[in-house]
N, C-alpha and C. Protein backbone atom coordinates (compact mmCIF):
# COMPACT_ATOMS: atom_id res chain seq x y z
N MET A 1 200.87 94.08 -93.53
CA MET A 1 200.72 94.65 -91.97
C MET A 1 202.21 95.05 -91.60
N LEU A 2 203.11 94.17 -92.39
CA LEU A 2 204.59 93.97 -91.76
C LEU A 2 205.61 94.99 -92.59
N LYS A 3 204.58 95.46 -94.04
CA LYS A 3 205.25 96.41 -94.26
C LYS A 3 204.78 97.90 -94.02
N GLU A 4 203.42 97.88 -93.27
CA GLU A 4 203.00 99.06 -93.12
C GLU A 4 204.09 99.48 -91.78
N LEU A 5 204.58 98.50 -90.96
CA LEU A 5 204.89 98.70 -90.02
C LEU A 5 206.56 99.05 -90.27
N ILE A 6 207.11 98.54 -91.60
CA ILE A 6 208.12 99.10 -92.38
C ILE A 6 208.61 100.24 -93.19
N LEU A 7 207.22 100.75 -93.22
CA LEU A 7 207.34 102.30 -93.78
C LEU A 7 207.00 103.28 -92.45
N LYS A 8 206.35 102.66 -91.23
CA LYS A 8 206.51 103.57 -90.25
C LYS A 8 208.09 103.43 -89.57
N ASN A 9 208.84 102.89 -89.66
CA ASN A 9 209.93 102.73 -88.69
C ASN A 9 211.00 103.21 -90.32
N ARG A 10 210.86 104.64 -89.54
CA ARG A 10 212.01 105.77 -89.81
C ARG A 10 213.36 105.91 -88.93
N SER A 11 214.03 106.54 -89.42
CA SER A 11 215.31 106.62 -88.30
C SER A 11 214.90 108.29 -87.67
N TYR A 12 213.98 108.45 -86.73
CA TYR A 12 213.55 109.37 -86.45
C TYR A 12 214.90 110.46 -85.29
N ARG A 13 214.81 111.34 -85.70
CA ARG A 13 215.74 112.25 -85.20
C ARG A 13 215.42 113.40 -84.44
N GLY A 14 213.77 113.14 -83.74
CA GLY A 14 213.36 114.42 -82.97
C GLY A 14 211.95 113.36 -82.45
N TYR A 15 212.05 113.70 -81.04
CA TYR A 15 211.08 113.04 -80.55
C TYR A 15 210.40 114.20 -79.47
N ASP A 16 209.17 113.76 -78.71
CA ASP A 16 207.93 114.65 -78.10
C ASP A 16 208.71 113.65 -76.67
N GLU A 17 209.32 114.89 -75.93
CA GLU A 17 210.05 114.66 -74.46
C GLU A 17 209.25 114.20 -73.38
N SER A 18 207.73 115.04 -73.91
CA SER A 18 207.30 114.59 -72.36
C SER A 18 206.03 112.95 -72.92
N VAL A 19 206.32 112.22 -73.42
CA VAL A 19 205.95 110.94 -73.57
C VAL A 19 207.78 110.48 -73.03
N ARG A 20 207.03 109.81 -72.06
CA ARG A 20 208.46 109.17 -71.55
C ARG A 20 208.25 107.22 -71.62
N VAL A 21 209.46 106.99 -72.25
CA VAL A 21 209.50 105.93 -72.81
C VAL A 21 209.75 104.74 -71.16
N THR A 22 208.55 103.64 -71.20
CA THR A 22 208.96 103.06 -69.71
C THR A 22 209.84 101.75 -69.94
N ARG A 23 210.21 101.34 -69.08
CA ARG A 23 211.31 100.08 -68.80
C ARG A 23 210.91 98.89 -69.41
N GLU A 24 209.47 98.71 -68.93
CA GLU A 24 208.65 98.03 -69.44
C GLU A 24 208.82 97.40 -71.05
N GLN A 25 208.49 99.31 -71.41
CA GLN A 25 208.12 99.03 -72.76
C GLN A 25 210.10 98.53 -73.79
N LEU A 26 211.37 98.73 -72.73
CA LEU A 26 212.18 98.75 -73.52
C LEU A 26 212.49 97.31 -73.13
N MET A 27 212.24 96.57 -72.22
CA MET A 27 212.15 95.02 -71.82
C MET A 27 211.29 94.37 -72.93
N GLU A 28 210.39 95.07 -73.49
CA GLU A 28 209.67 93.99 -74.53
C GLU A 28 210.60 94.05 -75.82
N LEU A 29 210.76 95.59 -75.54
CA LEU A 29 211.94 95.39 -77.48
C LEU A 29 213.12 94.54 -77.44
N ALA A 30 213.72 94.36 -76.24
CA ALA A 30 214.72 93.29 -75.77
C ALA A 30 214.42 92.02 -76.11
N ASP A 31 213.38 91.66 -75.42
CA ASP A 31 212.87 90.24 -75.58
C ASP A 31 212.32 90.15 -77.46
N CYS A 32 212.25 91.18 -78.24
CA CYS A 32 211.84 91.10 -79.53
C CYS A 32 213.16 90.30 -79.88
N ALA A 33 213.99 90.97 -79.30
CA ALA A 33 215.30 91.09 -80.21
C ALA A 33 216.07 90.04 -79.75
N ARG A 34 216.00 89.45 -79.21
CA ARG A 34 216.32 88.38 -78.12
C ARG A 34 215.96 86.28 -78.77
N LEU A 35 214.83 86.71 -79.72
CA LEU A 35 213.97 85.80 -79.79
C LEU A 35 214.50 85.79 -81.16
N ALA A 36 215.33 87.08 -81.93
CA ALA A 36 215.14 87.14 -83.36
C ALA A 36 216.39 86.16 -83.60
N PRO A 37 216.65 85.95 -84.89
CA PRO A 37 217.88 84.72 -85.20
C PRO A 37 218.94 85.43 -85.12
N SER A 38 219.74 84.52 -84.63
CA SER A 38 221.19 84.61 -84.50
C SER A 38 222.86 83.96 -84.71
N SER A 39 223.68 84.02 -85.22
CA SER A 39 224.68 83.37 -86.47
C SER A 39 225.02 82.21 -85.30
N GLN A 40 224.93 81.04 -85.96
CA GLN A 40 225.30 79.37 -85.08
C GLN A 40 224.24 79.92 -83.57
N ASN A 41 223.39 80.45 -83.53
CA ASN A 41 222.56 80.54 -82.53
C ASN A 41 223.56 81.02 -81.24
N PHE A 42 224.24 81.85 -81.43
CA PHE A 42 225.25 82.02 -80.42
C PHE A 42 224.90 82.89 -79.20
N GLN A 43 224.19 83.28 -80.00
CA GLN A 43 223.47 84.67 -79.10
C GLN A 43 224.24 86.11 -78.25
N PRO A 44 225.58 86.41 -79.21
CA PRO A 44 226.08 86.78 -77.95
C PRO A 44 225.63 88.17 -77.64
N LEU A 45 224.59 88.67 -77.48
CA LEU A 45 224.52 90.16 -77.62
C LEU A 45 223.48 90.18 -76.30
N LYS A 46 224.16 91.53 -75.46
CA LYS A 46 223.51 92.04 -74.44
C LYS A 46 222.72 93.54 -73.96
N TYR A 47 221.85 93.25 -73.84
CA TYR A 47 221.32 94.81 -73.96
C TYR A 47 220.98 96.17 -73.10
N TYR A 48 221.53 97.04 -72.69
CA TYR A 48 221.97 97.56 -71.62
C TYR A 48 220.57 98.83 -72.01
N LEU A 49 219.21 98.76 -70.85
CA LEU A 49 218.11 99.77 -71.13
C LEU A 49 218.33 100.73 -69.99
N SER A 50 218.17 102.20 -70.56
CA SER A 50 217.98 103.08 -70.24
C SER A 50 216.98 103.82 -70.99
N CYS A 51 215.82 104.75 -69.53
CA CYS A 51 214.77 105.38 -69.68
C CYS A 51 214.63 106.19 -68.78
N ASP A 52 215.88 106.45 -67.87
CA ASP A 52 215.65 107.69 -66.34
C ASP A 52 216.39 108.71 -67.25
N ALA A 53 216.11 110.20 -66.93
CA ALA A 53 216.26 111.07 -67.31
C ALA A 53 218.03 111.39 -67.28
N GLU A 54 218.36 110.52 -66.14
CA GLU A 54 219.74 110.57 -65.38
C GLU A 54 220.77 110.71 -66.38
N THR A 55 220.86 109.15 -66.65
CA THR A 55 221.24 107.87 -67.29
C THR A 55 221.32 108.30 -68.87
N ASN A 56 220.02 108.96 -69.72
CA ASN A 56 219.84 108.79 -70.90
C ASN A 56 220.85 110.76 -70.72
N ALA A 57 221.14 111.63 -70.02
CA ALA A 57 221.96 112.56 -70.40
C ALA A 57 222.97 112.13 -70.17
N LYS A 58 223.58 111.15 -70.04
CA LYS A 58 225.22 110.24 -69.93
C LYS A 58 225.72 109.77 -71.39
N ILE A 59 224.03 109.11 -72.34
CA ILE A 59 224.48 108.82 -73.11
C ILE A 59 223.98 109.41 -74.77
N GLN A 60 223.16 110.61 -74.85
CA GLN A 60 222.95 111.52 -75.63
C GLN A 60 224.08 112.33 -76.41
N PRO A 61 224.41 113.07 -75.06
CA PRO A 61 226.37 113.69 -75.66
C PRO A 61 227.04 112.80 -76.13
N LEU A 62 226.97 111.35 -76.30
CA LEU A 62 228.11 111.06 -76.97
C LEU A 62 227.77 109.98 -77.90
N THR A 63 226.96 110.51 -77.95
CA THR A 63 226.36 109.73 -79.77
C THR A 63 226.36 111.14 -81.06
N GLY A 64 226.12 110.44 -82.03
CA GLY A 64 226.60 112.08 -83.11
C GLY A 64 225.22 110.91 -84.04
N TRP A 65 224.52 112.33 -84.37
CA TRP A 65 223.42 112.24 -84.88
C TRP A 65 223.40 112.81 -86.63
N ALA A 66 223.23 112.24 -88.24
CA ALA A 66 222.19 112.90 -88.89
C ALA A 66 223.97 113.38 -89.60
N ARG A 67 225.36 112.77 -89.83
CA ARG A 67 226.09 113.19 -89.99
C ARG A 67 226.32 114.54 -91.01
N GLN A 68 224.91 113.68 -91.98
CA GLN A 68 224.92 114.00 -93.40
C GLN A 68 224.55 115.60 -93.25
N LEU A 69 223.67 115.98 -92.29
CA LEU A 69 223.33 117.35 -92.10
C LEU A 69 223.77 118.24 -91.64
N GLN A 70 225.18 118.00 -90.83
CA GLN A 70 225.88 119.23 -89.99
C GLN A 70 226.21 120.06 -91.19
N PRO A 71 226.00 121.31 -90.24
CA PRO A 71 225.88 121.85 -88.85
C PRO A 71 224.90 121.82 -88.34
N ILE A 72 223.69 120.85 -88.89
CA ILE A 72 222.28 121.08 -88.26
C ILE A 72 222.34 119.99 -86.87
N GLU A 73 222.30 120.74 -85.75
CA GLU A 73 222.09 119.88 -84.68
C GLU A 73 220.85 119.03 -83.97
N LEU A 74 220.90 118.28 -84.09
CA LEU A 74 219.35 117.25 -83.77
C LEU A 74 220.67 115.46 -82.76
N PRO A 75 219.16 115.34 -82.29
CA PRO A 75 217.70 115.75 -82.48
C PRO A 75 217.67 117.63 -82.11
N HIS A 76 216.95 118.25 -81.88
CA HIS A 76 216.92 119.50 -81.68
C HIS A 76 216.99 119.89 -80.41
N PRO A 77 217.44 120.42 -79.68
CA PRO A 77 217.18 120.73 -78.22
C PRO A 77 215.81 120.55 -77.46
N GLY A 78 215.37 119.68 -76.71
CA GLY A 78 214.14 119.49 -76.20
C GLY A 78 213.22 118.57 -76.99
N HIS A 79 213.95 117.82 -77.79
CA HIS A 79 213.47 116.74 -78.76
C HIS A 79 213.97 115.58 -78.93
N CYS A 80 214.88 115.26 -77.09
CA CYS A 80 215.58 114.01 -77.54
C CYS A 80 214.80 112.69 -77.11
N PRO A 81 215.11 111.61 -77.75
CA PRO A 81 214.52 110.33 -76.93
C PRO A 81 214.24 110.34 -75.58
N THR A 82 213.49 109.30 -75.09
CA THR A 82 213.49 109.06 -73.62
C THR A 82 213.42 108.04 -73.43
N GLY A 83 214.21 107.04 -74.16
CA GLY A 83 214.56 106.27 -74.41
C GLY A 83 215.94 105.48 -75.07
N PHE A 84 216.89 104.84 -74.27
CA PHE A 84 218.22 104.13 -75.02
C PHE A 84 217.69 102.76 -74.83
N ILE A 85 218.33 101.93 -76.22
CA ILE A 85 219.16 100.09 -76.13
C ILE A 85 220.56 100.53 -76.31
N VAL A 86 221.23 100.39 -75.53
CA VAL A 86 222.79 99.81 -76.05
C VAL A 86 222.96 98.68 -76.11
N ILE A 87 223.19 98.48 -77.80
CA ILE A 87 223.11 96.70 -77.87
C ILE A 87 224.62 96.87 -77.55
N CYS A 88 225.38 95.41 -77.09
CA CYS A 88 226.81 95.32 -76.76
C CYS A 88 227.13 93.92 -76.96
N TYR A 89 227.90 93.67 -77.20
CA TYR A 89 228.58 92.08 -77.31
C TYR A 89 229.16 91.73 -76.62
N ASP A 90 229.02 90.42 -75.92
CA ASP A 90 229.60 89.91 -74.73
C ASP A 90 231.00 88.92 -75.43
N SER A 91 232.12 89.62 -75.05
CA SER A 91 232.90 88.68 -75.47
C SER A 91 233.37 87.12 -74.69
N ASP A 92 232.50 87.20 -73.63
CA ASP A 92 232.73 85.69 -72.88
C ASP A 92 231.83 84.79 -73.38
N ILE A 93 230.74 85.09 -74.41
CA ILE A 93 230.32 84.29 -75.45
C ILE A 93 230.78 84.03 -77.03
N GLY A 94 231.17 84.71 -77.26
CA GLY A 94 231.34 84.88 -78.93
C GLY A 94 232.73 85.00 -79.27
N PRO A 95 232.85 84.87 -80.44
CA PRO A 95 234.33 84.56 -81.00
C PRO A 95 234.86 85.35 -81.73
N GLY A 96 234.26 86.75 -81.50
CA GLY A 96 234.28 88.11 -82.31
C GLY A 96 233.04 88.99 -82.73
N ALA A 97 233.70 90.13 -82.50
CA ALA A 97 232.35 91.36 -82.68
C ALA A 97 231.73 91.11 -83.64
N GLN A 98 233.38 91.13 -84.87
CA GLN A 98 232.80 91.28 -86.37
C GLN A 98 232.05 90.60 -86.64
N ARG A 99 232.17 88.97 -86.33
CA ARG A 99 231.47 88.10 -86.74
C ARG A 99 230.15 88.00 -86.72
N PHE A 100 229.79 88.94 -85.50
CA PHE A 100 228.35 88.78 -85.41
C PHE A 100 227.20 90.30 -85.55
N ALA A 101 227.87 91.58 -86.51
CA ALA A 101 227.78 92.40 -87.33
C ALA A 101 226.28 92.16 -87.62
N LYS A 102 226.31 90.69 -88.02
CA LYS A 102 224.54 90.51 -88.94
C LYS A 102 223.44 90.15 -87.68
N ASP A 103 224.11 89.60 -86.57
CA ASP A 103 223.16 89.70 -85.18
C ASP A 103 222.93 91.37 -85.09
N VAL A 104 223.47 92.03 -85.01
CA VAL A 104 223.13 93.12 -84.53
C VAL A 104 222.53 94.20 -85.28
N GLY A 105 222.40 94.05 -86.60
CA GLY A 105 221.35 94.54 -87.41
C GLY A 105 220.01 93.97 -87.50
N ILE A 106 220.28 93.10 -87.31
CA ILE A 106 219.06 91.69 -86.88
C ILE A 106 218.31 92.35 -85.77
N ALA A 107 218.88 93.00 -84.46
CA ALA A 107 217.97 92.76 -83.48
C ALA A 107 217.84 94.26 -83.49
N ALA A 108 218.50 94.92 -84.04
CA ALA A 108 218.30 96.65 -83.98
C ALA A 108 216.76 97.22 -84.81
N GLN A 109 216.33 96.18 -85.60
CA GLN A 109 215.84 96.25 -86.81
C GLN A 109 214.33 95.59 -85.95
N THR A 110 214.59 94.85 -85.69
CA THR A 110 213.46 93.77 -85.37
C THR A 110 212.98 94.79 -83.77
N MET A 111 213.66 95.51 -83.37
CA MET A 111 213.42 96.18 -81.87
C MET A 111 212.30 96.93 -82.42
N LEU A 112 213.12 97.92 -83.94
CA LEU A 112 212.62 99.33 -84.20
C LEU A 112 211.56 98.91 -84.81
N LEU A 113 210.84 97.68 -85.78
CA LEU A 113 209.80 96.84 -86.35
C LEU A 113 208.52 96.94 -84.83
N ALA A 114 209.38 96.43 -83.65
CA ALA A 114 208.50 96.32 -82.39
C ALA A 114 207.57 97.52 -81.74
N ALA A 115 208.82 98.79 -81.76
CA ALA A 115 208.77 100.15 -81.22
C ALA A 115 208.03 100.81 -82.05
N ALA A 116 207.88 100.41 -83.78
CA ALA A 116 206.50 100.95 -84.38
C ALA A 116 205.32 100.80 -84.27
N GLU A 117 205.33 99.66 -84.08
CA GLU A 117 203.51 98.64 -83.48
C GLU A 117 203.41 99.19 -82.03
N MET A 118 204.64 99.99 -80.94
CA MET A 118 203.98 100.21 -80.02
C MET A 118 203.52 101.85 -80.19
N GLY A 119 204.03 102.31 -81.36
CA GLY A 119 203.27 104.00 -81.65
C GLY A 119 204.96 104.69 -81.41
N LEU A 120 205.83 103.96 -81.42
CA LEU A 120 206.81 104.97 -81.22
C LEU A 120 207.94 104.77 -82.39
N GLY A 121 208.94 105.25 -81.94
CA GLY A 121 209.76 104.95 -83.19
C GLY A 121 211.52 105.25 -82.50
N GLY A 122 212.25 105.17 -83.45
CA GLY A 122 213.91 104.95 -83.08
C GLY A 122 214.69 105.33 -84.30
N CYS A 123 216.26 105.50 -83.88
CA CYS A 123 217.02 105.74 -84.29
C CYS A 123 218.19 104.69 -84.48
N MET A 124 218.86 103.95 -85.38
CA MET A 124 220.31 103.16 -84.97
C MET A 124 221.15 104.02 -85.37
N ILE A 125 221.76 104.62 -83.97
CA ILE A 125 223.03 104.98 -84.07
C ILE A 125 224.60 104.10 -84.03
N GLY A 126 225.39 104.68 -84.57
CA GLY A 126 226.43 103.87 -84.94
C GLY A 126 228.00 104.43 -84.76
N ASN A 127 227.39 106.18 -84.56
CA ASN A 127 228.77 107.25 -84.28
C ASN A 127 228.29 107.79 -82.88
N PHE A 128 229.26 106.37 -82.53
CA PHE A 128 229.62 106.99 -80.89
C PHE A 128 231.23 106.38 -80.73
N SER A 129 232.00 106.46 -79.36
CA SER A 129 232.55 106.05 -78.84
C SER A 129 232.36 105.16 -77.92
N PRO A 130 232.81 104.10 -78.54
CA PRO A 130 232.64 102.38 -77.37
C PRO A 130 233.35 102.59 -76.35
N ALA A 131 234.51 102.84 -76.13
CA ALA A 131 234.90 103.56 -74.75
C ALA A 131 234.98 104.15 -74.11
N LYS A 132 234.28 105.91 -74.66
CA LYS A 132 233.50 106.94 -73.94
C LYS A 132 232.33 105.98 -73.12
N LEU A 133 231.28 105.59 -74.27
CA LEU A 133 230.46 105.13 -73.86
C LEU A 133 230.18 103.71 -72.70
N SER A 134 231.16 102.64 -72.49
CA SER A 134 231.61 102.01 -71.87
C SER A 134 231.80 102.75 -70.50
N GLU A 135 232.65 103.93 -70.50
CA GLU A 135 233.38 104.16 -69.28
C GLU A 135 231.81 105.32 -68.14
N ALA A 136 231.21 105.22 -69.39
CA ALA A 136 230.19 106.13 -68.85
C ALA A 136 229.19 105.44 -68.66
N LEU A 137 228.69 104.47 -68.66
CA LEU A 137 227.73 103.33 -68.20
C LEU A 137 228.14 102.50 -67.07
N ALA A 138 229.64 102.13 -66.71
CA ALA A 138 230.41 101.59 -66.19
C ALA A 138 230.13 100.21 -66.42
N LEU A 139 230.51 99.75 -68.29
CA LEU A 139 229.99 98.33 -68.43
C LEU A 139 231.43 97.51 -68.03
N PRO A 140 230.73 96.13 -67.52
CA PRO A 140 232.23 95.53 -67.34
C PRO A 140 232.97 95.32 -69.26
N GLU A 141 234.25 94.82 -68.74
CA GLU A 141 235.64 95.42 -69.53
C GLU A 141 234.66 94.10 -70.99
N ARG A 142 233.57 93.24 -70.60
CA ARG A 142 233.46 91.92 -71.64
C ARG A 142 232.57 92.74 -72.46
N LEU A 143 231.88 93.43 -71.85
CA LEU A 143 230.78 94.22 -72.71
C LEU A 143 231.20 94.81 -73.78
N GLN A 144 231.29 95.09 -74.43
CA GLN A 144 231.71 96.12 -75.92
C GLN A 144 230.31 96.84 -77.17
N PRO A 145 230.27 97.74 -76.58
CA PRO A 145 228.73 98.91 -76.97
C PRO A 145 229.01 98.16 -78.87
N VAL A 146 228.11 98.22 -79.50
CA VAL A 146 227.86 98.20 -81.14
C VAL A 146 227.26 98.83 -81.83
N LEU A 147 226.33 99.63 -80.83
CA LEU A 147 224.90 100.24 -81.40
C LEU A 147 224.25 100.45 -80.67
N VAL A 148 224.14 102.05 -80.96
CA VAL A 148 223.10 102.27 -79.69
C VAL A 148 221.84 102.71 -80.53
N VAL A 149 220.52 101.95 -80.04
CA VAL A 149 219.63 102.67 -80.46
C VAL A 149 218.25 103.74 -79.83
N ALA A 150 218.07 104.43 -80.35
CA ALA A 150 217.23 105.51 -79.54
C ALA A 150 215.96 105.10 -79.56
N ILE A 151 215.03 105.63 -78.50
CA ILE A 151 213.51 104.57 -78.47
C ILE A 151 213.16 106.24 -77.87
N GLY A 152 212.19 106.65 -78.77
CA GLY A 152 210.75 107.28 -77.92
C GLY A 152 209.44 108.26 -79.15
N LYS A 153 208.65 108.76 -78.21
CA LYS A 153 207.66 109.33 -79.63
C LYS A 153 208.00 110.15 -80.60
N PRO A 154 207.46 109.54 -82.06
CA PRO A 154 208.14 110.64 -82.98
C PRO A 154 207.80 112.05 -83.10
N ASP A 155 208.20 113.01 -83.27
CA ASP A 155 207.55 114.23 -83.15
C ASP A 155 208.36 114.82 -84.07
N GLU A 156 208.50 114.44 -85.22
CA GLU A 156 209.14 114.66 -86.48
C GLU A 156 208.56 114.05 -87.57
N ARG A 157 208.36 114.73 -88.80
CA ARG A 157 207.59 114.67 -90.16
C ARG A 157 208.84 113.95 -91.11
N VAL A 158 209.04 112.66 -91.05
CA VAL A 158 209.81 111.78 -92.20
C VAL A 158 209.22 111.55 -93.53
N VAL A 159 209.69 111.58 -95.04
CA VAL A 159 208.83 111.55 -96.42
C VAL A 159 209.62 110.80 -97.31
N LEU A 160 209.28 109.57 -97.33
CA LEU A 160 209.86 109.20 -98.51
C LEU A 160 209.94 109.54 -99.85
N THR A 161 210.80 109.25 -100.67
CA THR A 161 210.64 110.09 -101.91
C THR A 161 211.52 108.80 -102.96
N GLU A 162 210.94 109.52 -103.82
CA GLU A 162 211.39 108.34 -105.06
C GLU A 162 212.95 108.69 -105.60
N LEU A 163 213.97 108.04 -106.13
CA LEU A 163 215.12 108.29 -106.18
C LEU A 163 215.25 107.76 -107.89
N GLU A 164 215.03 109.29 -108.56
CA GLU A 164 215.54 109.24 -109.95
C GLU A 164 217.04 108.44 -110.60
N PRO A 165 217.13 108.27 -111.29
CA PRO A 165 218.49 107.68 -112.10
C PRO A 165 219.38 108.36 -112.06
N GLY A 166 220.48 108.31 -111.11
CA GLY A 166 221.40 109.03 -111.14
C GLY A 166 221.27 110.02 -109.91
N GLY A 167 220.52 110.00 -109.32
CA GLY A 167 219.99 111.06 -108.60
C GLY A 167 220.94 110.61 -107.38
N SER A 168 221.13 111.61 -105.71
CA SER A 168 221.37 111.25 -104.91
C SER A 168 220.75 110.61 -103.84
N THR A 169 221.47 110.12 -102.68
CA THR A 169 220.63 109.35 -102.22
C THR A 169 220.66 109.93 -100.91
N ASP A 170 221.42 111.27 -100.54
CA ASP A 170 221.71 112.52 -99.42
C ASP A 170 219.83 112.17 -99.39
N TYR A 171 219.83 112.24 -97.47
CA TYR A 171 218.57 112.47 -96.66
C TYR A 171 218.69 114.06 -97.08
N TYR A 172 217.68 115.02 -96.67
CA TYR A 172 217.71 116.10 -96.37
C TYR A 172 216.78 116.94 -95.97
N ARG A 173 216.51 118.04 -95.32
CA ARG A 173 215.34 118.86 -94.83
C ARG A 173 214.92 119.94 -95.20
N ASP A 174 214.12 120.46 -94.96
CA ASP A 174 213.30 121.45 -96.12
C ASP A 174 213.21 122.61 -94.80
N GLU A 175 212.76 123.73 -95.39
CA GLU A 175 212.39 125.36 -94.40
C GLU A 175 211.95 125.00 -93.30
N ASP A 176 210.77 124.08 -93.43
CA ASP A 176 210.04 123.95 -92.03
C ASP A 176 210.66 121.98 -91.11
N ASP A 177 211.74 121.85 -91.75
CA ASP A 177 212.49 120.60 -90.56
C ASP A 177 211.56 119.94 -91.02
N VAL A 178 210.92 119.59 -92.25
CA VAL A 178 210.38 118.28 -92.65
C VAL A 178 211.82 117.28 -93.49
N HIS A 179 211.93 115.93 -93.15
CA HIS A 179 212.97 115.00 -93.17
C HIS A 179 212.59 114.76 -94.64
N TYR A 180 213.31 114.64 -95.37
CA TYR A 180 213.13 113.79 -97.35
C TYR A 180 213.98 112.74 -96.96
N VAL A 181 213.87 111.21 -97.69
CA VAL A 181 214.93 110.43 -97.48
C VAL A 181 214.53 109.55 -98.51
N PRO A 182 215.07 110.19 -99.74
CA PRO A 182 214.94 108.99 -101.05
C PRO A 182 215.69 107.70 -101.08
N LYS A 183 214.27 107.32 -101.81
CA LYS A 183 214.16 105.56 -101.88
C LYS A 183 214.69 105.17 -103.36
N ARG A 184 215.48 103.65 -103.57
CA ARG A 184 216.25 103.84 -105.27
C ARG A 184 214.65 103.50 -105.49
N ARG A 185 213.90 102.91 -106.43
CA ARG A 185 213.06 102.50 -107.21
C ARG A 185 213.06 100.80 -107.31
N LEU A 186 212.66 100.62 -106.71
CA LEU A 186 212.31 99.00 -106.99
C LEU A 186 212.86 98.04 -108.44
N GLU A 187 212.45 98.52 -109.29
CA GLU A 187 212.62 98.28 -110.69
C GLU A 187 214.86 98.87 -110.55
N ASP A 188 214.73 99.33 -110.02
CA ASP A 188 216.77 99.64 -109.75
C ASP A 188 217.09 98.79 -108.77
N VAL A 189 216.40 98.19 -108.15
CA VAL A 189 216.92 96.93 -107.32
C VAL A 189 217.06 95.42 -107.56
N ILE A 190 216.42 95.22 -108.46
CA ILE A 190 216.07 93.91 -109.17
C ILE A 190 216.77 93.37 -110.16
N ILE A 191 217.52 92.48 -109.88
CA ILE A 191 218.91 91.91 -110.71
C ILE A 191 218.04 91.70 -112.38
N ASN A 192 217.49 90.57 -111.74
CA ASN A 192 216.85 90.01 -113.06
C ASN A 192 215.25 90.06 -113.43
């Protein structure tokens, strides 16, 4: 069952904008994240939730998607996520954001697996300016955005392919806009 969720949990860059993500759904994702492990149990992460069109319109243009595929603009117009969770580090709680990078990954993956279980999908976005996003969302100075997680109803096809030895891990799209993600073979990642 977990492996099925892992396979459903892709980095989606196209969404059905007619399916609105609710605040309750985002709250449930944040609740799952807060229950996940945290380094020394400091729990220094806070979550900014956005599911209204006005706030989403502030966040979306400040994010950069699929750098490997440029100059393709993703998400395509009319296929943006209908929700965002901005993961923030609270400097009043922890002794330094870098120390909690693991926590950010754990929280984001937990949220995305929970989203997959809800029939939603998402994408972790690290390509953004924390200062510009803080200003756009009027965040207090102590809250530093460290990752943006887009959430919505996926509206694209993502296909995993097996990476041949010496092959490229670069993801790509075909002429039908199908997104392909090469994955290393199990025997190539096991050490012993």
